[in-house]
Amino acid sequence: MENQYRTWLGEKQGRLAVSAFAEKGWTSYYAETLNEAKTLLFETILPTGVSVGLGGSETLAAMDILPVLRNGQYKLYDRYNCADHFEMCRDSLMADYFLSGANALTMGGEMVNIDCSGSRVAAMAYGPRRVIVVAGVNKLVNSLEEAIARVHAVAPMNCRRNNHKTPCAETGVCTDCNIPKRMCNQLLITYNAQKFSGKYTLLLINETLGF
C-alpha cells in the first residue's frame, strides 16, 4: 500500500535534489513513477539511432529497458548478451550514450559510485559523450560521508546478487575485506558537471529502486 507521507517527502526531497544537480551542470528530470521515467527516457532524453552502453543496474532492470534498446533503433553494447564481457565493457567506453544507476546521490548535487572492475565508473567519468543516470529517491543522502557509508551498507546485497564470495555476502556486514573477490575497489565521486555542458543527465524517480 502506498504511503502518502513517504510519497510526499520523496517529491519534496526529489525536486530539491534535481535543482541542486541542475545548479552543478546536470540536465535534471524528476519523475513521479517508474513508468513516467521510462517514457521520459525514450521520448525526451535518449534519441534513436545512437550507440548505447550500459552499467549494471537494478534500477534499469526494474525499468525493463532492454527490450526497447534491443529493438533495432539503437546500437547496443549489450553487456548481458556477449561472448566477452570485458571487451564489451571496453567497447562501451566509446558509446554515444552510457546508461547507469547510481549508488548514492547527495542533496547538494554530488554522485558517489563504487565498482568492482571499474568499467561503470570509468564510463561515467570519461569516454561516452553523454551519461544518463537513473535513480530512485532512496539513493538521496545529505552528505558525501553519508553517501560513502550508504554504498558500504548496501554492498552485501550487491555481492550476493553477483555471487561474489565475500564475507559480507554471508554476514550482511561490510568488513573492508582484502580478498580477490572483493567488489568495492573503485570509488568515483562526481562533484560537478559544469566542465562538459550537456554531458550528464539525471532522471530521479519518486520510488524506492535498486539497492
N, C-alpha and C. Protein backbone atom coordinates (compact mmCIF):
# COMPACT_ATOMS: atom_id res chain seq x y z
N MET A 1 0.84 -1.20 0.00
CA MET A 1 0.00 0.00 0.00
C MET A 1 0.88 1.25 0.00
N GLU A 2 0.56 2.18 -0.83
CA GLU A 2 1.37 3.39 -0.96
C GLU A 2 1.26 4.24 0.29
N ASN A 3 2.39 4.71 0.79
CA ASN A 3 2.42 5.59 1.95
C ASN A 3 2.43 7.03 1.45
N GLN A 4 1.33 7.75 1.69
CA GLN A 4 1.19 9.09 1.12
C GLN A 4 2.22 10.07 1.67
N TYR A 5 2.65 9.86 2.91
CA TYR A 5 3.62 10.77 3.51
C TYR A 5 5.02 10.51 2.97
N ARG A 6 5.34 9.24 2.74
CA ARG A 6 6.62 8.91 2.14
C ARG A 6 6.68 9.45 0.70
N THR A 7 5.56 9.33 -0.01
CA THR A 7 5.50 9.86 -1.37
C THR A 7 5.64 11.38 -1.36
N TRP A 8 4.99 12.03 -0.42
CA TRP A 8 5.09 13.49 -0.28
C TRP A 8 6.53 13.91 -0.01
N LEU A 9 7.18 13.23 0.95
CA LEU A 9 8.56 13.57 1.28
C LEU A 9 9.50 13.28 0.11
N GLY A 10 9.26 12.18 -0.59
CA GLY A 10 10.08 11.85 -1.75
C GLY A 10 10.00 12.93 -2.81
N GLU A 11 8.80 13.46 -3.03
CA GLU A 11 8.65 14.53 -4.02
C GLU A 11 9.39 15.79 -3.58
N LYS A 12 9.21 16.18 -2.32
CA LYS A 12 9.86 17.39 -1.83
C LYS A 12 11.39 17.27 -1.93
N GLN A 13 11.93 16.17 -1.44
CA GLN A 13 13.38 15.98 -1.49
C GLN A 13 13.88 15.77 -2.91
N GLY A 14 13.09 15.04 -3.70
CA GLY A 14 13.48 14.78 -5.08
C GLY A 14 13.59 16.04 -5.91
N ARG A 15 12.62 16.91 -5.77
CA ARG A 15 12.65 18.16 -6.54
C ARG A 15 13.78 19.08 -6.08
N LEU A 16 14.06 19.09 -4.78
CA LEU A 16 15.20 19.86 -4.28
C LEU A 16 16.51 19.32 -4.84
N ALA A 17 16.65 18.00 -4.85
CA ALA A 17 17.87 17.38 -5.37
C ALA A 17 18.04 17.66 -6.86
N VAL A 18 16.97 17.56 -7.61
CA VAL A 18 17.03 17.84 -9.05
C VAL A 18 17.52 19.26 -9.29
N SER A 19 17.06 20.21 -8.47
CA SER A 19 17.51 21.60 -8.61
C SER A 19 18.99 21.73 -8.29
N ALA A 20 19.44 21.01 -7.24
CA ALA A 20 20.85 21.06 -6.86
C ALA A 20 21.73 20.50 -7.96
N PHE A 21 21.32 19.39 -8.57
CA PHE A 21 22.10 18.81 -9.66
C PHE A 21 22.11 19.73 -10.88
N ALA A 22 20.99 20.40 -11.14
CA ALA A 22 20.94 21.35 -12.26
C ALA A 22 21.92 22.49 -12.04
N GLU A 23 22.05 22.95 -10.80
CA GLU A 23 23.00 24.02 -10.49
C GLU A 23 24.44 23.56 -10.68
N LYS A 24 24.68 22.25 -10.57
CA LYS A 24 26.02 21.71 -10.76
C LYS A 24 26.31 21.37 -12.24
N GLY A 25 25.36 21.69 -13.13
CA GLY A 25 25.60 21.49 -14.55
C GLY A 25 24.92 20.28 -15.16
N TRP A 26 24.13 19.56 -14.35
CA TRP A 26 23.40 18.40 -14.87
C TRP A 26 22.13 18.85 -15.58
N THR A 27 21.72 18.10 -16.61
CA THR A 27 20.37 18.19 -17.13
C THR A 27 19.53 17.26 -16.27
N SER A 28 18.57 17.81 -15.55
CA SER A 28 17.90 17.05 -14.50
C SER A 28 16.41 16.95 -14.72
N TYR A 29 15.89 15.74 -14.50
CA TYR A 29 14.46 15.48 -14.63
C TYR A 29 13.95 14.79 -13.37
N TYR A 30 12.72 15.11 -13.02
CA TYR A 30 12.04 14.44 -11.91
C TYR A 30 10.85 13.68 -12.48
N ALA A 31 10.69 12.43 -12.06
CA ALA A 31 9.54 11.62 -12.48
C ALA A 31 8.86 11.05 -11.24
N GLU A 32 7.57 11.03 -11.25
CA GLU A 32 6.82 10.52 -10.09
C GLU A 32 6.82 9.00 -10.03
N THR A 33 6.84 8.34 -11.19
CA THR A 33 6.76 6.89 -11.23
C THR A 33 7.78 6.31 -12.20
N LEU A 34 8.00 5.02 -12.07
CA LEU A 34 8.92 4.33 -12.97
C LEU A 34 8.42 4.39 -14.41
N ASN A 35 7.14 4.24 -14.62
CA ASN A 35 6.58 4.30 -15.98
C ASN A 35 6.76 5.69 -16.59
N GLU A 36 6.56 6.72 -15.77
CA GLU A 36 6.76 8.08 -16.25
C GLU A 36 8.22 8.30 -16.63
N ALA A 37 9.13 7.73 -15.83
CA ALA A 37 10.56 7.86 -16.10
C ALA A 37 10.93 7.16 -17.40
N LYS A 38 10.35 5.99 -17.64
CA LYS A 38 10.65 5.25 -18.86
C LYS A 38 10.20 6.03 -20.09
N THR A 39 9.04 6.66 -19.99
CA THR A 39 8.56 7.49 -21.09
C THR A 39 9.49 8.67 -21.34
N LEU A 40 9.92 9.33 -20.26
CA LEU A 40 10.86 10.45 -20.39
C LEU A 40 12.16 10.01 -21.04
N LEU A 41 12.65 8.84 -20.62
CA LEU A 41 13.92 8.34 -21.14
C LEU A 41 13.86 8.16 -22.65
N PHE A 42 12.83 7.48 -23.13
CA PHE A 42 12.80 7.12 -24.55
C PHE A 42 12.14 8.16 -25.45
N GLU A 43 11.36 9.07 -24.88
CA GLU A 43 10.71 10.08 -25.71
C GLU A 43 11.38 11.44 -25.66
N THR A 44 12.18 11.68 -24.61
CA THR A 44 12.77 13.01 -24.44
C THR A 44 14.29 12.99 -24.32
N ILE A 45 14.84 12.02 -23.59
CA ILE A 45 16.25 12.06 -23.23
C ILE A 45 17.15 11.32 -24.22
N LEU A 46 16.76 10.11 -24.58
CA LEU A 46 17.62 9.24 -25.40
C LEU A 46 17.11 9.19 -26.84
N PRO A 47 17.83 9.78 -27.79
CA PRO A 47 17.36 9.74 -29.18
C PRO A 47 17.63 8.39 -29.82
N THR A 48 16.86 8.03 -30.81
CA THR A 48 17.10 6.79 -31.54
C THR A 48 18.30 6.98 -32.47
N GLY A 49 18.87 5.85 -32.88
CA GLY A 49 19.99 5.89 -33.82
C GLY A 49 21.35 6.05 -33.19
N VAL A 50 21.42 6.17 -31.86
CA VAL A 50 22.71 6.36 -31.19
C VAL A 50 23.22 5.03 -30.65
N SER A 51 24.51 4.99 -30.33
CA SER A 51 25.07 3.81 -29.67
C SER A 51 24.93 3.98 -28.15
N VAL A 52 24.69 2.86 -27.47
CA VAL A 52 24.35 2.90 -26.05
C VAL A 52 25.14 1.85 -25.28
N GLY A 53 25.81 2.28 -24.23
CA GLY A 53 26.46 1.37 -23.30
C GLY A 53 25.68 1.31 -22.01
N LEU A 54 25.90 0.26 -21.23
CA LEU A 54 25.13 0.06 -20.00
C LEU A 54 26.04 -0.22 -18.82
N GLY A 55 25.66 0.32 -17.67
CA GLY A 55 26.26 -0.09 -16.42
C GLY A 55 25.29 -1.03 -15.72
N GLY A 56 25.82 -1.98 -14.97
CA GLY A 56 24.93 -2.89 -14.26
C GLY A 56 24.06 -2.12 -13.28
N SER A 57 22.75 -2.32 -13.32
CA SER A 57 21.86 -1.50 -12.51
C SER A 57 20.54 -2.22 -12.27
N GLU A 58 20.18 -2.39 -11.01
CA GLU A 58 18.88 -2.95 -10.66
C GLU A 58 17.76 -1.97 -11.00
N THR A 59 18.05 -0.68 -10.96
CA THR A 59 17.04 0.32 -11.30
C THR A 59 16.68 0.24 -12.78
N LEU A 60 17.69 0.14 -13.64
CA LEU A 60 17.41 -0.01 -15.08
C LEU A 60 16.72 -1.33 -15.36
N ALA A 61 17.06 -2.37 -14.61
CA ALA A 61 16.37 -3.65 -14.79
C ALA A 61 14.90 -3.52 -14.44
N ALA A 62 14.60 -2.78 -13.36
CA ALA A 62 13.21 -2.57 -12.97
C ALA A 62 12.45 -1.77 -14.02
N MET A 63 13.16 -0.89 -14.73
CA MET A 63 12.53 -0.10 -15.79
C MET A 63 12.28 -0.92 -17.04
N ASP A 64 12.92 -2.09 -17.13
CA ASP A 64 12.74 -3.01 -18.26
C ASP A 64 13.07 -2.34 -19.59
N ILE A 65 14.30 -1.81 -19.68
CA ILE A 65 14.68 -1.05 -20.87
C ILE A 65 15.29 -1.91 -21.97
N LEU A 66 15.77 -3.11 -21.62
CA LEU A 66 16.48 -3.91 -22.63
C LEU A 66 15.64 -4.23 -23.87
N PRO A 67 14.36 -4.60 -23.73
CA PRO A 67 13.59 -4.88 -24.95
C PRO A 67 13.54 -3.70 -25.91
N VAL A 68 13.50 -2.49 -25.37
CA VAL A 68 13.47 -1.30 -26.23
C VAL A 68 14.85 -1.07 -26.87
N LEU A 69 15.90 -1.22 -26.08
CA LEU A 69 17.25 -1.00 -26.60
C LEU A 69 17.65 -2.04 -27.64
N ARG A 70 17.03 -3.21 -27.56
CA ARG A 70 17.35 -4.29 -28.50
C ARG A 70 16.44 -4.33 -29.72
N ASN A 71 15.58 -3.32 -29.88
CA ASN A 71 14.58 -3.38 -30.96
C ASN A 71 15.11 -2.94 -32.31
N GLY A 72 16.40 -2.63 -32.40
CA GLY A 72 16.98 -2.26 -33.69
C GLY A 72 17.13 -0.77 -33.91
N GLN A 73 16.58 0.05 -33.03
CA GLN A 73 16.68 1.50 -33.18
C GLN A 73 17.96 2.07 -32.55
N TYR A 74 18.71 1.22 -31.86
CA TYR A 74 19.93 1.65 -31.19
C TYR A 74 21.06 0.66 -31.51
N LYS A 75 22.29 1.14 -31.45
CA LYS A 75 23.44 0.24 -31.47
C LYS A 75 23.79 -0.04 -30.01
N LEU A 76 23.39 -1.19 -29.52
CA LEU A 76 23.55 -1.50 -28.11
C LEU A 76 24.81 -2.32 -27.85
N TYR A 77 25.64 -1.81 -26.96
CA TYR A 77 26.75 -2.60 -26.43
C TYR A 77 26.16 -3.43 -25.29
N ASP A 78 25.77 -4.64 -25.62
CA ASP A 78 24.93 -5.43 -24.72
C ASP A 78 25.77 -6.28 -23.77
N ARG A 79 26.00 -5.78 -22.60
CA ARG A 79 26.81 -6.49 -21.60
C ARG A 79 26.14 -7.77 -21.10
N TYR A 80 24.83 -7.89 -21.37
CA TYR A 80 24.09 -9.06 -20.91
C TYR A 80 23.97 -10.15 -21.96
N ASN A 81 24.48 -9.87 -23.15
CA ASN A 81 24.41 -10.85 -24.24
C ASN A 81 25.65 -10.69 -25.12
N CYS A 82 26.77 -11.22 -24.62
CA CYS A 82 28.02 -11.06 -25.35
C CYS A 82 28.96 -12.22 -25.04
N ALA A 83 29.93 -12.42 -25.93
CA ALA A 83 30.88 -13.51 -25.75
C ALA A 83 31.99 -13.13 -24.77
N ASP A 84 32.35 -11.86 -24.72
CA ASP A 84 33.45 -11.40 -23.88
C ASP A 84 33.01 -10.15 -23.14
N HIS A 85 32.66 -10.32 -21.88
CA HIS A 85 32.13 -9.21 -21.08
C HIS A 85 33.15 -8.09 -20.94
N PHE A 86 34.41 -8.44 -20.73
CA PHE A 86 35.46 -7.43 -20.57
C PHE A 86 35.58 -6.56 -21.81
N GLU A 87 35.63 -7.19 -22.99
CA GLU A 87 35.76 -6.44 -24.23
C GLU A 87 34.51 -5.61 -24.51
N MET A 88 33.34 -6.13 -24.16
CA MET A 88 32.11 -5.37 -24.37
C MET A 88 32.11 -4.10 -23.52
N CYS A 89 32.59 -4.21 -22.29
CA CYS A 89 32.67 -3.03 -21.43
C CYS A 89 33.69 -2.03 -21.96
N ARG A 90 34.79 -2.52 -22.52
CA ARG A 90 35.78 -1.63 -23.15
C ARG A 90 35.16 -0.91 -24.34
N ASP A 91 34.43 -1.64 -25.16
CA ASP A 91 33.78 -1.03 -26.32
C ASP A 91 32.76 0.02 -25.89
N SER A 92 32.11 -0.22 -24.76
CA SER A 92 31.09 0.71 -24.27
C SER A 92 31.64 2.08 -23.95
N LEU A 93 32.94 2.16 -23.72
CA LEU A 93 33.56 3.45 -23.43
C LEU A 93 33.48 4.41 -24.61
N MET A 94 33.22 3.86 -25.80
CA MET A 94 33.12 4.69 -27.00
C MET A 94 31.67 4.92 -27.42
N ALA A 95 30.74 4.56 -26.57
CA ALA A 95 29.32 4.74 -26.91
C ALA A 95 28.94 6.22 -26.92
N ASP A 96 27.91 6.54 -27.70
CA ASP A 96 27.38 7.91 -27.67
C ASP A 96 26.76 8.22 -26.31
N TYR A 97 26.01 7.25 -25.80
CA TYR A 97 25.32 7.40 -24.51
C TYR A 97 25.66 6.22 -23.60
N PHE A 98 25.79 6.50 -22.32
CA PHE A 98 26.01 5.46 -21.33
C PHE A 98 24.91 5.58 -20.28
N LEU A 99 24.16 4.50 -20.06
CA LEU A 99 23.06 4.48 -19.08
C LEU A 99 23.48 3.71 -17.85
N SER A 100 23.18 4.27 -16.69
CA SER A 100 23.56 3.61 -15.45
C SER A 100 22.66 4.05 -14.31
N GLY A 101 22.70 3.28 -13.24
CA GLY A 101 22.12 3.72 -11.98
C GLY A 101 23.20 4.45 -11.19
N ALA A 102 22.92 4.69 -9.92
CA ALA A 102 23.89 5.33 -9.03
C ALA A 102 23.82 4.66 -7.67
N ASN A 103 24.94 4.65 -6.97
CA ASN A 103 24.95 4.10 -5.62
C ASN A 103 24.42 5.09 -4.59
N ALA A 104 24.76 6.36 -4.77
CA ALA A 104 24.27 7.38 -3.84
C ALA A 104 24.34 8.76 -4.50
N LEU A 105 23.39 9.61 -4.12
CA LEU A 105 23.33 10.98 -4.61
C LEU A 105 23.14 11.89 -3.40
N THR A 106 23.87 13.00 -3.37
CA THR A 106 23.69 13.91 -2.24
C THR A 106 22.68 15.00 -2.59
N MET A 107 22.09 15.57 -1.55
CA MET A 107 21.15 16.66 -1.74
C MET A 107 21.85 17.91 -2.27
N GLY A 108 23.18 17.91 -2.20
CA GLY A 108 23.93 19.05 -2.71
C GLY A 108 24.36 18.90 -4.15
N GLY A 109 23.99 17.78 -4.80
CA GLY A 109 24.29 17.62 -6.22
C GLY A 109 25.55 16.86 -6.55
N GLU A 110 25.97 15.94 -5.67
CA GLU A 110 27.13 15.10 -5.94
C GLU A 110 26.70 13.65 -6.09
N MET A 111 27.48 12.87 -6.83
CA MET A 111 27.17 11.46 -7.05
C MET A 111 28.34 10.60 -6.60
N VAL A 112 28.04 9.49 -5.95
CA VAL A 112 29.07 8.57 -5.48
C VAL A 112 28.78 7.17 -6.01
N ASN A 113 29.82 6.54 -6.57
CA ASN A 113 29.69 5.17 -7.07
C ASN A 113 30.94 4.38 -6.71
N ILE A 114 30.75 3.13 -6.33
CA ILE A 114 31.86 2.22 -6.07
C ILE A 114 31.69 0.99 -6.95
N ASP A 115 32.77 0.60 -7.63
CA ASP A 115 32.72 -0.51 -8.59
C ASP A 115 33.67 -1.63 -8.21
N CYS A 116 33.43 -2.77 -8.82
CA CYS A 116 34.33 -3.91 -8.70
C CYS A 116 35.47 -3.77 -9.71
N SER A 117 35.17 -3.89 -11.00
CA SER A 117 36.21 -3.80 -12.03
C SER A 117 36.53 -2.38 -12.43
N GLY A 118 35.56 -1.48 -12.26
CA GLY A 118 35.75 -0.08 -12.66
C GLY A 118 35.17 0.25 -14.01
N SER A 119 34.57 -0.71 -14.70
CA SER A 119 34.06 -0.45 -16.05
C SER A 119 32.95 0.60 -16.04
N ARG A 120 32.11 0.56 -15.02
CA ARG A 120 30.99 1.51 -14.94
C ARG A 120 31.50 2.91 -14.58
N VAL A 121 32.32 3.02 -13.54
CA VAL A 121 32.77 4.36 -13.13
C VAL A 121 33.71 4.96 -14.17
N ALA A 122 34.45 4.13 -14.91
CA ALA A 122 35.30 4.64 -15.98
C ALA A 122 34.45 5.31 -17.05
N ALA A 123 33.36 4.65 -17.44
CA ALA A 123 32.47 5.21 -18.47
C ALA A 123 31.75 6.45 -17.96
N MET A 124 31.42 6.48 -16.68
CA MET A 124 30.74 7.65 -16.14
C MET A 124 31.67 8.86 -16.08
N ALA A 125 32.98 8.61 -15.88
CA ALA A 125 33.93 9.71 -15.77
C ALA A 125 34.38 10.22 -17.13
N TYR A 126 34.60 9.30 -18.09
CA TYR A 126 35.17 9.74 -19.37
C TYR A 126 34.95 8.67 -20.43
N GLY A 127 34.71 9.10 -21.64
CA GLY A 127 34.53 8.16 -22.75
C GLY A 127 33.26 8.46 -23.51
N PRO A 128 32.12 7.93 -23.07
CA PRO A 128 30.86 8.22 -23.75
C PRO A 128 30.57 9.73 -23.76
N ARG A 129 29.96 10.18 -24.83
CA ARG A 129 29.68 11.61 -24.95
C ARG A 129 28.57 12.07 -24.01
N ARG A 130 27.66 11.18 -23.66
CA ARG A 130 26.56 11.51 -22.76
C ARG A 130 26.42 10.40 -21.71
N VAL A 131 26.14 10.79 -20.48
CA VAL A 131 25.91 9.84 -19.39
C VAL A 131 24.54 10.13 -18.80
N ILE A 132 23.69 9.11 -18.77
CA ILE A 132 22.36 9.23 -18.19
C ILE A 132 22.30 8.38 -16.94
N VAL A 133 21.99 9.00 -15.82
CA VAL A 133 21.89 8.31 -14.54
C VAL A 133 20.43 8.26 -14.11
N VAL A 134 19.94 7.05 -13.85
CA VAL A 134 18.56 6.86 -13.41
C VAL A 134 18.58 6.34 -11.98
N ALA A 135 17.84 6.98 -11.09
CA ALA A 135 17.89 6.59 -9.68
C ALA A 135 16.59 6.90 -8.97
N GLY A 136 16.31 6.11 -7.94
CA GLY A 136 15.17 6.37 -7.08
C GLY A 136 15.56 7.33 -5.96
N VAL A 137 14.57 7.95 -5.33
CA VAL A 137 14.85 8.91 -4.26
C VAL A 137 15.45 8.23 -3.02
N ASN A 138 15.37 6.90 -2.97
CA ASN A 138 16.02 6.19 -1.85
C ASN A 138 17.53 6.32 -1.88
N LYS A 139 18.09 6.78 -3.01
CA LYS A 139 19.54 6.96 -3.11
C LYS A 139 20.01 8.30 -2.55
N LEU A 140 19.09 9.17 -2.16
CA LEU A 140 19.44 10.50 -1.70
C LEU A 140 19.93 10.48 -0.25
N VAL A 141 21.04 11.19 -0.02
CA VAL A 141 21.59 11.37 1.32
C VAL A 141 22.02 12.83 1.46
N ASN A 142 22.42 13.21 2.68
CA ASN A 142 22.71 14.62 2.93
C ASN A 142 24.16 15.03 2.67
N SER A 143 25.09 14.10 2.66
CA SER A 143 26.50 14.48 2.54
C SER A 143 27.29 13.39 1.83
N LEU A 144 28.51 13.73 1.45
CA LEU A 144 29.39 12.75 0.83
C LEU A 144 29.74 11.63 1.81
N GLU A 145 29.90 11.97 3.08
CA GLU A 145 30.19 10.96 4.09
C GLU A 145 29.05 9.95 4.19
N GLU A 146 27.82 10.46 4.18
CA GLU A 146 26.66 9.57 4.21
C GLU A 146 26.56 8.75 2.93
N ALA A 147 26.96 9.34 1.82
CA ALA A 147 26.90 8.63 0.53
C ALA A 147 27.83 7.44 0.54
N ILE A 148 29.06 7.64 0.99
CA ILE A 148 30.02 6.54 1.03
C ILE A 148 29.58 5.48 2.03
N ALA A 149 29.04 5.92 3.17
CA ALA A 149 28.53 4.96 4.16
C ALA A 149 27.38 4.16 3.58
N ARG A 150 26.54 4.82 2.78
CA ARG A 150 25.41 4.11 2.17
C ARG A 150 25.89 3.03 1.21
N VAL A 151 26.91 3.34 0.44
CA VAL A 151 27.45 2.37 -0.51
C VAL A 151 27.91 1.11 0.21
N HIS A 152 28.63 1.28 1.30
CA HIS A 152 29.13 0.13 2.04
C HIS A 152 27.98 -0.63 2.72
N ALA A 153 26.94 0.09 3.11
CA ALA A 153 25.82 -0.55 3.77
C ALA A 153 25.05 -1.49 2.84
N VAL A 154 24.98 -1.12 1.55
CA VAL A 154 24.24 -1.95 0.59
C VAL A 154 25.14 -2.92 -0.16
N ALA A 155 26.46 -2.81 0.04
CA ALA A 155 27.41 -3.68 -0.67
C ALA A 155 27.11 -5.17 -0.51
N PRO A 156 26.71 -5.64 0.68
CA PRO A 156 26.43 -7.07 0.82
C PRO A 156 25.36 -7.58 -0.16
N MET A 157 24.36 -6.76 -0.44
CA MET A 157 23.31 -7.18 -1.38
C MET A 157 23.87 -7.28 -2.79
N ASN A 158 24.71 -6.33 -3.16
CA ASN A 158 25.33 -6.39 -4.50
C ASN A 158 26.24 -7.60 -4.63
N CYS A 159 27.00 -7.89 -3.58
CA CYS A 159 27.89 -9.05 -3.63
C CYS A 159 27.09 -10.33 -3.76
N ARG A 160 26.01 -10.42 -3.01
CA ARG A 160 25.19 -11.63 -3.07
C ARG A 160 24.50 -11.76 -4.43
N ARG A 161 24.05 -10.63 -4.98
CA ARG A 161 23.41 -10.64 -6.30
C ARG A 161 24.36 -11.14 -7.37
N ASN A 162 25.63 -10.76 -7.27
CA ASN A 162 26.64 -11.14 -8.27
C ASN A 162 27.39 -12.40 -7.90
N ASN A 163 26.96 -13.05 -6.84
CA ASN A 163 27.56 -14.31 -6.40
C ASN A 163 29.05 -14.18 -6.10
N HIS A 164 29.44 -13.08 -5.52
CA HIS A 164 30.82 -12.89 -5.10
C HIS A 164 31.01 -13.47 -3.71
N LYS A 165 32.00 -14.30 -3.55
CA LYS A 165 32.21 -14.99 -2.28
C LYS A 165 32.98 -14.10 -1.31
N THR A 166 32.33 -13.05 -0.88
CA THR A 166 32.93 -12.12 0.07
C THR A 166 32.34 -12.36 1.45
N PRO A 167 33.04 -11.93 2.50
CA PRO A 167 32.48 -12.08 3.85
C PRO A 167 31.12 -11.43 4.00
N CYS A 168 30.94 -10.25 3.39
CA CYS A 168 29.66 -9.54 3.56
C CYS A 168 28.49 -10.27 2.91
N ALA A 169 28.78 -11.08 1.88
CA ALA A 169 27.72 -11.84 1.23
C ALA A 169 27.17 -12.93 2.15
N GLU A 170 27.91 -13.25 3.19
CA GLU A 170 27.45 -14.24 4.19
C GLU A 170 26.92 -13.56 5.44
N THR A 171 27.62 -12.50 5.89
CA THR A 171 27.25 -11.87 7.17
C THR A 171 26.27 -10.72 7.01
N GLY A 172 26.24 -10.09 5.82
CA GLY A 172 25.40 -8.92 5.61
C GLY A 172 26.04 -7.64 6.09
N VAL A 173 27.31 -7.70 6.49
CA VAL A 173 28.01 -6.53 7.02
C VAL A 173 29.31 -6.33 6.26
N CYS A 174 29.54 -5.11 5.73
CA CYS A 174 30.79 -4.80 5.04
C CYS A 174 31.94 -4.78 6.04
N THR A 175 33.02 -5.50 5.72
CA THR A 175 34.16 -5.59 6.63
C THR A 175 35.45 -5.09 6.01
N ASP A 176 35.37 -4.34 4.90
CA ASP A 176 36.55 -3.83 4.21
C ASP A 176 37.54 -4.97 3.95
N CYS A 177 37.08 -6.02 3.28
CA CYS A 177 37.87 -7.23 3.09
C CYS A 177 39.04 -7.01 2.14
N ASN A 178 40.01 -7.88 2.21
CA ASN A 178 41.20 -7.81 1.36
C ASN A 178 41.39 -9.17 0.69
N ILE A 179 40.47 -9.47 -0.25
CA ILE A 179 40.46 -10.76 -0.92
C ILE A 179 40.24 -10.56 -2.42
N PRO A 180 40.59 -11.55 -3.25
CA PRO A 180 40.44 -11.40 -4.70
C PRO A 180 39.01 -11.13 -5.15
N LYS A 181 38.01 -11.63 -4.43
CA LYS A 181 36.61 -11.47 -4.84
C LYS A 181 35.98 -10.16 -4.35
N ARG A 182 36.78 -9.32 -3.71
CA ARG A 182 36.28 -8.04 -3.21
C ARG A 182 35.59 -7.26 -4.34
N MET A 183 34.45 -6.62 -4.04
CA MET A 183 33.74 -5.83 -5.04
C MET A 183 33.98 -4.34 -4.92
N CYS A 184 34.27 -3.86 -3.72
CA CYS A 184 34.43 -2.41 -3.51
C CYS A 184 35.86 -1.99 -3.79
N ASN A 185 36.18 -1.77 -5.06
CA ASN A 185 37.56 -1.50 -5.47
C ASN A 185 37.78 -0.10 -6.04
N GLN A 186 36.81 0.43 -6.76
CA GLN A 186 37.00 1.70 -7.46
C GLN A 186 35.95 2.70 -6.98
N LEU A 187 36.40 3.82 -6.43
CA LEU A 187 35.49 4.86 -5.94
C LEU A 187 35.51 6.06 -6.87
N LEU A 188 34.32 6.50 -7.31
CA LEU A 188 34.20 7.70 -8.13
C LEU A 188 33.25 8.68 -7.45
N ILE A 189 33.74 9.89 -7.22
CA ILE A 189 32.89 10.97 -6.73
C ILE A 189 32.77 12.01 -7.84
N THR A 190 31.57 12.23 -8.30
CA THR A 190 31.31 13.25 -9.32
C THR A 190 30.85 14.50 -8.59
N TYR A 191 31.75 15.45 -8.43
CA TYR A 191 31.45 16.65 -7.67
C TYR A 191 30.63 17.65 -8.48
N ASN A 192 30.94 17.72 -9.79
CA ASN A 192 30.40 18.81 -10.59
C ASN A 192 30.35 18.40 -12.05
N ALA A 193 29.36 18.89 -12.78
CA ALA A 193 29.21 18.53 -14.19
C ALA A 193 29.31 19.73 -15.12
N GLN A 194 29.93 20.81 -14.64
CA GLN A 194 29.99 22.03 -15.44
C GLN A 194 30.99 21.95 -16.59
N LYS A 195 32.01 21.09 -16.49
CA LYS A 195 33.11 21.09 -17.46
C LYS A 195 32.64 20.85 -18.89
N PHE A 196 31.78 19.81 -19.07
CA PHE A 196 31.28 19.49 -20.41
C PHE A 196 29.77 19.68 -20.42
N SER A 197 29.32 20.81 -20.92
CA SER A 197 27.90 21.14 -20.90
C SER A 197 27.07 20.08 -21.63
N GLY A 198 26.05 19.57 -20.96
CA GLY A 198 25.14 18.60 -21.56
C GLY A 198 25.57 17.16 -21.45
N LYS A 199 26.75 16.90 -20.85
CA LYS A 199 27.23 15.53 -20.78
C LYS A 199 26.41 14.67 -19.81
N TYR A 200 26.04 15.23 -18.67
CA TYR A 200 25.40 14.44 -17.63
C TYR A 200 23.91 14.76 -17.49
N THR A 201 23.11 13.69 -17.44
CA THR A 201 21.67 13.82 -17.22
C THR A 201 21.27 12.96 -16.04
N LEU A 202 20.47 13.52 -15.15
CA LEU A 202 19.90 12.78 -14.03
C LEU A 202 18.41 12.63 -14.22
N LEU A 203 17.92 11.40 -14.09
CA LEU A 203 16.49 11.11 -14.10
C LEU A 203 16.16 10.54 -12.73
N LEU A 204 15.59 11.36 -11.87
CA LEU A 204 15.31 10.98 -10.48
C LEU A 204 13.84 10.61 -10.33
N ILE A 205 13.60 9.46 -9.72
CA ILE A 205 12.24 8.89 -9.66
C ILE A 205 11.77 8.79 -8.21
N ASN A 206 10.54 9.19 -7.96
CA ASN A 206 9.97 9.16 -6.61
C ASN A 206 9.51 7.75 -6.25
N GLU A 207 10.45 6.82 -6.29
CA GLU A 207 10.18 5.44 -5.90
C GLU A 207 11.44 4.87 -5.24
N THR A 208 11.27 3.78 -4.52
CA THR A 208 12.40 3.05 -3.96
C THR A 208 12.86 2.04 -4.99
N LEU A 209 14.06 2.24 -5.52
CA LEU A 209 14.55 1.42 -6.63
C LEU A 209 15.99 0.98 -6.39
N GLY A 210 16.31 -0.23 -6.79
CA GLY A 210 17.67 -0.73 -6.64
C GLY A 210 18.06 -0.90 -5.20
N PHE A 211 19.37 -0.94 -4.96
CA PHE A 211 19.90 -1.13 -3.61
C PHE A 211 20.29 0.19 -2.98
